[in-house]
Amino acid sequence: MRARSLHLLVLLASLGAAPRAIAAEVAEMFLLDAPLESRRFADSATPGPSFKAGQRVTVLAVEGGRVRLYVGDSYGWVSASELDAAASEVPVIPLTPAD
């Protein structure tokens, strides 16, 4: 399921949808099974924060095969394939009980 969701994010980005619109409609949380090293900017080699195994990261945007992640006050870019290999999708739990 996580690969399908991530592929949807990448597909929407490749079709020219604005990253903020994508994030607002399909933002998802992932549980990292392995650590990830990020980049500060999508198009830069400048190192960003390190995300640790066991952290829950939120996808904020997708741009050209790269994904912007957020945890607490840390933001960073990783490739979609790195995220797919290192994470499990966190199931959405409804806030209100079902009737």
N, C-alpha and C. Protein backbone atom coordinates (compact mmCIF):
# COMPACT_ATOMS: atom_id res chain seq x y z
N MET A 1 0.81 -1.19 0.00
CA MET A 1 0.00 0.00 0.00
C MET A 1 0.86 1.26 0.00
N ARG A 2 1.97 1.28 0.75
CA ARG A 2 2.77 2.50 0.82
C ARG A 2 3.35 2.86 -0.54
N ALA A 3 3.77 1.87 -1.32
CA ALA A 3 4.32 2.17 -2.64
C ALA A 3 3.25 2.79 -3.52
N ARG A 4 2.02 2.30 -3.43
CA ARG A 4 0.92 2.84 -4.23
C ARG A 4 0.67 4.29 -3.86
N SER A 5 0.63 4.60 -2.57
CA SER A 5 0.40 5.96 -2.11
C SER A 5 1.53 6.88 -2.54
N LEU A 6 2.76 6.44 -2.40
CA LEU A 6 3.90 7.24 -2.77
C LEU A 6 3.93 7.46 -4.27
N HIS A 7 3.60 6.43 -5.04
CA HIS A 7 3.54 6.58 -6.50
C HIS A 7 2.47 7.59 -6.90
N LEU A 8 1.35 7.63 -6.18
CA LEU A 8 0.31 8.61 -6.44
C LEU A 8 0.84 10.02 -6.21
N LEU A 9 1.57 10.23 -5.12
CA LEU A 9 2.15 11.54 -4.84
C LEU A 9 3.10 11.96 -5.96
N VAL A 10 3.96 11.04 -6.40
CA VAL A 10 4.93 11.35 -7.45
C VAL A 10 4.21 11.62 -8.77
N LEU A 11 3.18 10.83 -9.08
CA LEU A 11 2.41 11.03 -10.30
C LEU A 11 1.75 12.40 -10.32
N LEU A 12 1.11 12.78 -9.21
CA LEU A 12 0.48 14.09 -9.15
C LEU A 12 1.49 15.21 -9.32
N ALA A 13 2.65 15.07 -8.74
CA ALA A 13 3.68 16.09 -8.88
C ALA A 13 4.16 16.18 -10.32
N SER A 14 4.31 15.04 -10.98
CA SER A 14 4.79 15.04 -12.36
C SER A 14 3.77 15.64 -13.32
N LEU A 15 2.50 15.64 -12.93
CA LEU A 15 1.45 16.23 -13.75
C LEU A 15 1.34 17.73 -13.56
N GLY A 16 2.18 18.27 -12.70
CA GLY A 16 2.22 19.71 -12.52
C GLY A 16 1.37 20.23 -11.38
N ALA A 17 0.83 19.36 -10.56
CA ALA A 17 0.05 19.83 -9.41
C ALA A 17 0.99 20.52 -8.43
N ALA A 18 0.51 21.56 -7.80
CA ALA A 18 1.33 22.31 -6.85
C ALA A 18 1.61 21.45 -5.63
N PRO A 19 2.86 21.44 -5.13
CA PRO A 19 3.19 20.62 -3.96
C PRO A 19 2.30 20.88 -2.75
N ARG A 20 1.94 22.13 -2.47
CA ARG A 20 1.09 22.41 -1.31
C ARG A 20 -0.29 21.79 -1.49
N ALA A 21 -0.81 21.83 -2.72
CA ALA A 21 -2.12 21.24 -2.99
C ALA A 21 -2.05 19.73 -2.82
N ILE A 22 -0.96 19.13 -3.28
CA ILE A 22 -0.79 17.69 -3.13
C ILE A 22 -0.73 17.33 -1.66
N ALA A 23 0.08 18.05 -0.90
CA ALA A 23 0.24 17.74 0.51
C ALA A 23 -1.08 17.91 1.25
N ALA A 24 -1.85 18.92 0.89
CA ALA A 24 -3.10 19.17 1.58
C ALA A 24 -4.10 18.05 1.31
N GLU A 25 -4.07 17.46 0.12
CA GLU A 25 -5.04 16.45 -0.24
C GLU A 25 -4.61 15.03 0.13
N VAL A 26 -3.32 14.73 0.03
CA VAL A 26 -2.89 13.35 0.21
C VAL A 26 -1.71 13.20 1.16
N ALA A 27 -1.50 14.16 2.06
CA ALA A 27 -0.40 14.06 3.02
C ALA A 27 -0.56 12.76 3.81
N GLU A 28 0.54 12.07 3.98
CA GLU A 28 0.51 10.80 4.69
C GLU A 28 1.65 10.73 5.68
N MET A 29 1.49 9.87 6.66
CA MET A 29 2.54 9.61 7.63
C MET A 29 3.15 8.26 7.34
N PHE A 30 4.45 8.18 7.56
CA PHE A 30 5.18 6.94 7.38
C PHE A 30 6.00 6.68 8.63
N LEU A 31 6.14 5.41 8.98
CA LEU A 31 6.99 4.99 10.09
C LEU A 31 8.30 4.51 9.49
N LEU A 32 9.40 5.13 9.89
CA LEU A 32 10.69 4.74 9.33
C LEU A 32 11.17 3.43 9.94
N ASP A 33 11.46 2.47 9.08
CA ASP A 33 12.02 1.19 9.51
C ASP A 33 13.55 1.25 9.48
N ALA A 34 14.08 2.26 8.81
CA ALA A 34 15.53 2.44 8.69
C ALA A 34 15.82 3.94 8.71
N PRO A 35 17.01 4.34 9.10
CA PRO A 35 17.34 5.77 9.12
C PRO A 35 17.43 6.34 7.71
N LEU A 36 17.17 7.64 7.60
CA LEU A 36 17.27 8.35 6.32
C LEU A 36 18.08 9.62 6.51
N GLU A 37 18.98 9.87 5.59
CA GLU A 37 19.72 11.13 5.55
C GLU A 37 19.04 12.01 4.52
N SER A 38 18.71 13.23 4.90
CA SER A 38 18.00 14.11 3.98
C SER A 38 18.90 15.22 3.46
N ARG A 39 18.36 15.96 2.53
CA ARG A 39 19.00 17.16 1.98
C ARG A 39 18.17 18.36 2.41
N ARG A 40 18.82 19.47 2.61
CA ARG A 40 18.14 20.67 3.07
C ARG A 40 17.16 21.21 2.02
N PHE A 41 17.55 21.15 0.75
CA PHE A 41 16.72 21.64 -0.35
C PHE A 41 16.56 20.54 -1.39
N ALA A 42 15.46 20.57 -2.13
CA ALA A 42 15.17 19.52 -3.12
C ALA A 42 16.24 19.44 -4.20
N ASP A 43 16.79 20.57 -4.59
CA ASP A 43 17.74 20.60 -5.70
C ASP A 43 19.17 20.90 -5.24
N SER A 44 19.51 20.50 -4.03
CA SER A 44 20.81 20.83 -3.46
C SER A 44 21.44 19.59 -2.82
N ALA A 45 22.76 19.61 -2.74
CA ALA A 45 23.47 18.53 -2.05
C ALA A 45 23.75 18.89 -0.59
N THR A 46 23.29 20.05 -0.15
CA THR A 46 23.50 20.48 1.23
C THR A 46 22.80 19.51 2.19
N PRO A 47 23.56 18.92 3.12
CA PRO A 47 22.94 17.96 4.04
C PRO A 47 21.83 18.59 4.88
N GLY A 48 20.81 17.80 5.13
CA GLY A 48 19.71 18.20 5.98
C GLY A 48 19.71 17.33 7.23
N PRO A 49 18.60 17.29 7.92
CA PRO A 49 18.55 16.49 9.15
C PRO A 49 18.57 14.99 8.87
N SER A 50 18.98 14.26 9.86
CA SER A 50 18.93 12.79 9.82
C SER A 50 17.63 12.36 10.49
N PHE A 51 16.90 11.50 9.83
CA PHE A 51 15.69 10.93 10.40
C PHE A 51 16.03 9.53 10.89
N LYS A 52 15.59 9.20 12.08
CA LYS A 52 15.97 7.94 12.73
C LYS A 52 14.91 6.86 12.52
N ALA A 53 15.35 5.61 12.53
CA ALA A 53 14.42 4.49 12.49
C ALA A 53 13.49 4.60 13.69
N GLY A 54 12.21 4.34 13.47
CA GLY A 54 11.23 4.43 14.53
C GLY A 54 10.49 5.76 14.56
N GLN A 55 10.98 6.77 13.83
CA GLN A 55 10.29 8.05 13.79
C GLN A 55 9.12 7.98 12.81
N ARG A 56 8.08 8.76 13.12
CA ARG A 56 6.97 8.93 12.19
C ARG A 56 7.19 10.23 11.45
N VAL A 57 7.27 10.13 10.13
CA VAL A 57 7.50 11.31 9.30
C VAL A 57 6.24 11.62 8.51
N THR A 58 6.03 12.89 8.24
CA THR A 58 4.88 13.33 7.44
C THR A 58 5.40 13.84 6.11
N VAL A 59 4.76 13.42 5.02
CA VAL A 59 5.10 13.91 3.69
C VAL A 59 4.40 15.25 3.51
N LEU A 60 5.19 16.30 3.26
CA LEU A 60 4.64 17.64 3.07
C LEU A 60 4.48 17.99 1.60
N ALA A 61 5.39 17.49 0.77
CA ALA A 61 5.37 17.85 -0.65
C ALA A 61 6.14 16.81 -1.45
N VAL A 62 5.84 16.78 -2.73
CA VAL A 62 6.56 15.92 -3.68
C VAL A 62 6.95 16.80 -4.86
N GLU A 63 8.21 16.70 -5.25
CA GLU A 63 8.69 17.53 -6.34
C GLU A 63 9.75 16.76 -7.12
N GLY A 64 9.45 16.41 -8.37
CA GLY A 64 10.43 15.77 -9.23
C GLY A 64 11.06 14.50 -8.67
N GLY A 65 10.28 13.64 -8.09
CA GLY A 65 10.81 12.38 -7.54
C GLY A 65 11.43 12.51 -6.17
N ARG A 66 11.35 13.70 -5.59
CA ARG A 66 11.86 13.91 -4.24
C ARG A 66 10.68 14.24 -3.32
N VAL A 67 10.82 13.89 -2.06
CA VAL A 67 9.74 14.02 -1.09
C VAL A 67 10.24 14.87 0.08
N ARG A 68 9.45 15.86 0.49
CA ARG A 68 9.81 16.68 1.65
C ARG A 68 9.15 16.08 2.87
N LEU A 69 9.98 15.76 3.86
CA LEU A 69 9.52 15.14 5.10
C LEU A 69 9.57 16.14 6.23
N TYR A 70 8.76 15.86 7.25
CA TYR A 70 8.67 16.72 8.42
C TYR A 70 8.53 15.85 9.67
N VAL A 71 9.33 16.18 10.68
CA VAL A 71 9.20 15.59 12.02
C VAL A 71 9.56 16.68 13.01
N GLY A 72 8.63 17.02 13.89
CA GLY A 72 8.91 18.07 14.88
C GLY A 72 9.32 19.36 14.21
N ASP A 73 10.55 19.81 14.45
CA ASP A 73 11.04 21.02 13.80
C ASP A 73 12.08 20.71 12.73
N SER A 74 12.11 19.46 12.27
CA SER A 74 13.06 19.04 11.23
C SER A 74 12.36 18.83 9.90
N TYR A 75 12.91 19.44 8.86
CA TYR A 75 12.38 19.32 7.51
C TYR A 75 13.53 18.90 6.60
N GLY A 76 13.27 17.97 5.69
CA GLY A 76 14.32 17.56 4.77
C GLY A 76 13.75 16.87 3.55
N TRP A 77 14.54 16.79 2.51
CA TRP A 77 14.16 16.16 1.24
C TRP A 77 14.89 14.84 1.08
N VAL A 78 14.17 13.81 0.66
CA VAL A 78 14.75 12.51 0.33
C VAL A 78 14.14 12.06 -0.99
N SER A 79 14.78 11.11 -1.64
CA SER A 79 14.18 10.59 -2.87
C SER A 79 12.99 9.71 -2.51
N ALA A 80 12.02 9.67 -3.40
CA ALA A 80 10.83 8.85 -3.17
C ALA A 80 11.21 7.39 -3.01
N SER A 81 12.20 6.93 -3.77
CA SER A 81 12.60 5.53 -3.67
C SER A 81 13.26 5.23 -2.33
N GLU A 82 14.01 6.19 -1.77
CA GLU A 82 14.60 6.00 -0.44
C GLU A 82 13.51 5.88 0.62
N LEU A 83 12.50 6.74 0.53
CA LEU A 83 11.41 6.68 1.50
C LEU A 83 10.65 5.37 1.36
N ASP A 84 10.40 4.95 0.14
CA ASP A 84 9.67 3.70 -0.10
C ASP A 84 10.42 2.51 0.48
N ALA A 85 11.75 2.53 0.38
CA ALA A 85 12.56 1.42 0.88
C ALA A 85 12.70 1.43 2.40
N ALA A 86 12.58 2.62 3.02
CA ALA A 86 12.89 2.75 4.45
C ALA A 86 11.67 2.91 5.35
N ALA A 87 10.45 2.89 4.78
CA ALA A 87 9.29 3.23 5.61
C ALA A 87 8.09 2.34 5.38
N SER A 88 7.22 2.33 6.38
CA SER A 88 5.93 1.67 6.31
C SER A 88 4.86 2.73 6.48
N GLU A 89 3.78 2.61 5.73
CA GLU A 89 2.69 3.58 5.84
C GLU A 89 2.00 3.41 7.19
N VAL A 90 1.71 4.54 7.83
CA VAL A 90 1.00 4.52 9.11
C VAL A 90 -0.49 4.55 8.78
N PRO A 91 -1.26 3.59 9.29
CA PRO A 91 -2.70 3.59 8.98
C PRO A 91 -3.40 4.80 9.58
N VAL A 92 -4.41 5.28 8.86
CA VAL A 92 -5.19 6.41 9.33
C VAL A 92 -6.24 5.89 10.30
N ILE A 93 -6.28 6.49 11.47
CA ILE A 93 -7.25 6.09 12.49
C ILE A 93 -8.29 7.21 12.60
N PRO A 94 -9.57 6.90 12.37
CA PRO A 94 -10.60 7.95 12.44
C PRO A 94 -10.65 8.56 13.84
N LEU A 95 -10.91 9.87 13.88
CA LEU A 95 -10.99 10.57 15.16
C LEU A 95 -12.35 10.38 15.83
N THR A 96 -13.36 10.04 15.05
CA THR A 96 -14.68 9.80 15.62
C THR A 96 -15.06 8.34 15.43
N PRO A 97 -15.77 7.76 16.35
CA PRO A 97 -16.17 6.35 16.21
C PRO A 97 -17.16 6.18 15.06
N ALA A 98 -17.03 5.05 14.38
CA ALA A 98 -17.96 4.73 13.30
C ALA A 98 -19.30 4.31 13.88
N ASP A 99 -20.37 4.65 13.18
CA ASP A 99 -21.72 4.26 13.64
C ASP A 99 -22.00 2.80 13.36
